[in-house]
Amino acid sequence: MPAMPLEPDVAPPYPSPMEPRVAVLEELARTTGAALERMDRRLDTMTAEHRAGLDGLRSEYRADFRWLLGTMLAGFGTILGLLGGLIGVILHGFH
């Protein structure tokens, strides 16, 4: 069993050049926290602006979809009308 010292060490637990390094790291942590708060505020602002822009895009897409759907239905109705007329002419010819 190793011998345990009876008196605690008076020296710091790490070498003295480490103290300035730790101080620099603590300062870096403080500035990083402040930068993260600023970024969070900017992100919240950007999110609100993007939501407003997306609402405008949604209404445009909805209008485009309705126009496309109306065009397709009109075209389909025209094709059915022509096909119905053609079938009528053919049936009249066989009558």
Protein backbone atom coordinates (compact mmCIF):
# COMPACT_ATOMS: atom_id res chain seq x y z
CA MET A 1 0.00 0.00 0.00
CA PRO A 2 1.49 3.39 -0.96
CA ALA A 3 2.23 5.86 1.77
CA MET A 4 -0.28 8.70 2.02
CA PRO A 5 1.07 12.18 2.80
CA LEU A 6 -0.14 13.54 6.11
CA GLU A 7 0.01 17.17 5.09
CA PRO A 8 -1.78 18.46 1.97
CA ASP A 9 0.30 19.87 -0.84
CA VAL A 10 0.66 23.62 -0.69
CA ALA A 11 1.24 23.93 -4.44
CA PRO A 12 -1.77 24.40 -6.77
CA PRO A 13 -3.14 21.27 -8.40
CA TYR A 14 -1.77 22.35 -11.77
CA PRO A 15 1.32 24.21 -12.89
CA SER A 16 1.29 28.01 -12.67
CA PRO A 17 1.25 28.61 -16.47
CA MET A 18 -2.20 26.99 -16.47
CA GLU A 19 -3.87 29.84 -14.55
CA PRO A 20 -3.68 32.35 -17.46
CA ARG A 21 -4.91 29.64 -19.82
CA VAL A 22 -7.91 28.95 -17.61
CA ALA A 23 -8.64 32.69 -17.43
CA VAL A 24 -8.57 32.89 -21.24
CA LEU A 25 -10.93 29.92 -21.50
CA GLU A 26 -13.34 31.50 -19.01
CA GLU A 27 -13.34 34.76 -20.99
CA LEU A 28 -13.92 32.79 -24.20
CA ALA A 29 -16.89 31.05 -22.58
CA ARG A 30 -18.40 34.42 -21.59
CA THR A 31 -18.02 35.90 -25.07
CA THR A 32 -19.37 32.74 -26.67
CA GLY A 33 -22.48 32.94 -24.48
CA ALA A 34 -23.06 36.55 -25.51
CA ALA A 35 -22.57 35.70 -29.19
CA LEU A 36 -25.06 32.83 -28.92
CA GLU A 37 -27.66 35.16 -27.40
CA ARG A 38 -27.22 37.65 -30.26
CA MET A 39 -27.50 34.86 -32.83
CA ASP A 40 -30.64 33.56 -31.14
CA ARG A 41 -32.28 37.01 -31.32
CA ARG A 42 -31.35 37.35 -35.00
CA LEU A 43 -32.71 33.90 -35.74
CA ASP A 44 -36.02 34.76 -34.07
CA THR A 45 -36.28 37.93 -36.18
CA MET A 46 -35.40 36.08 -39.37
CA THR A 47 -37.91 33.35 -38.58
CA ALA A 48 -40.74 35.90 -38.24
CA GLU A 49 -39.76 37.56 -41.53
CA HIS A 50 -39.55 34.21 -43.32
CA ARG A 51 -42.96 33.20 -42.01
CA ALA A 52 -44.47 36.34 -43.50
CA GLY A 53 -42.76 35.59 -46.82
CA LEU A 54 -43.96 31.99 -46.78
CA ASP A 55 -47.54 33.10 -46.25
CA GLY A 56 -47.30 35.17 -49.43
CA LEU A 57 -45.83 32.23 -51.34
CA ARG A 58 -48.57 29.94 -50.13
CA SER A 59 -51.27 32.24 -51.45
CA GLU A 60 -49.45 32.50 -54.81
CA TYR A 61 -49.10 28.72 -55.05
CA ARG A 62 -52.76 28.30 -54.16
CA ALA A 63 -53.77 30.69 -56.95
CA ASP A 64 -51.48 28.94 -59.43
CA PHE A 65 -52.88 25.55 -58.44
CA ARG A 66 -56.45 26.75 -58.92
CA TRP A 67 -55.59 28.17 -62.33
CA LEU A 68 -53.90 24.92 -63.37
CA LEU A 69 -56.77 22.81 -62.08
CA GLY A 70 -59.31 24.96 -63.94
CA THR A 71 -57.30 24.72 -67.15
CA MET A 72 -57.02 20.94 -66.84
CA LEU A 73 -60.73 20.52 -66.19
CA ALA A 74 -61.61 22.79 -69.10
CA GLY A 75 -59.28 20.83 -71.37
CA PHE A 76 -60.67 17.54 -70.14
CA GLY A 77 -64.22 18.79 -70.71
CA THR A 78 -63.30 19.89 -74.23
CA ILE A 79 -61.77 16.50 -75.00
CA LEU A 80 -64.85 14.74 -73.64
CA GLY A 81 -67.08 17.01 -75.71
CA LEU A 82 -65.10 16.29 -78.87
CA LEU A 83 -65.01 12.59 -78.12
CA GLY A 84 -68.76 12.58 -77.44
CA GLY A 85 -69.39 14.40 -80.73
CA LEU A 86 -67.15 11.96 -82.60
CA ILE A 87 -68.94 8.98 -81.07
CA GLY A 88 -72.27 10.59 -81.98
CA VAL A 89 -71.19 11.02 -85.61
CA ILE A 90 -69.93 7.42 -85.77
CA LEU A 91 -73.15 6.07 -84.26
CA HIS A 92 -75.22 8.19 -86.60
CA GLY A 93 -73.27 6.74 -89.53
CA PHE A 94 -74.05 3.17 -88.40
CA HIS A 95 -77.71 3.92 -87.82
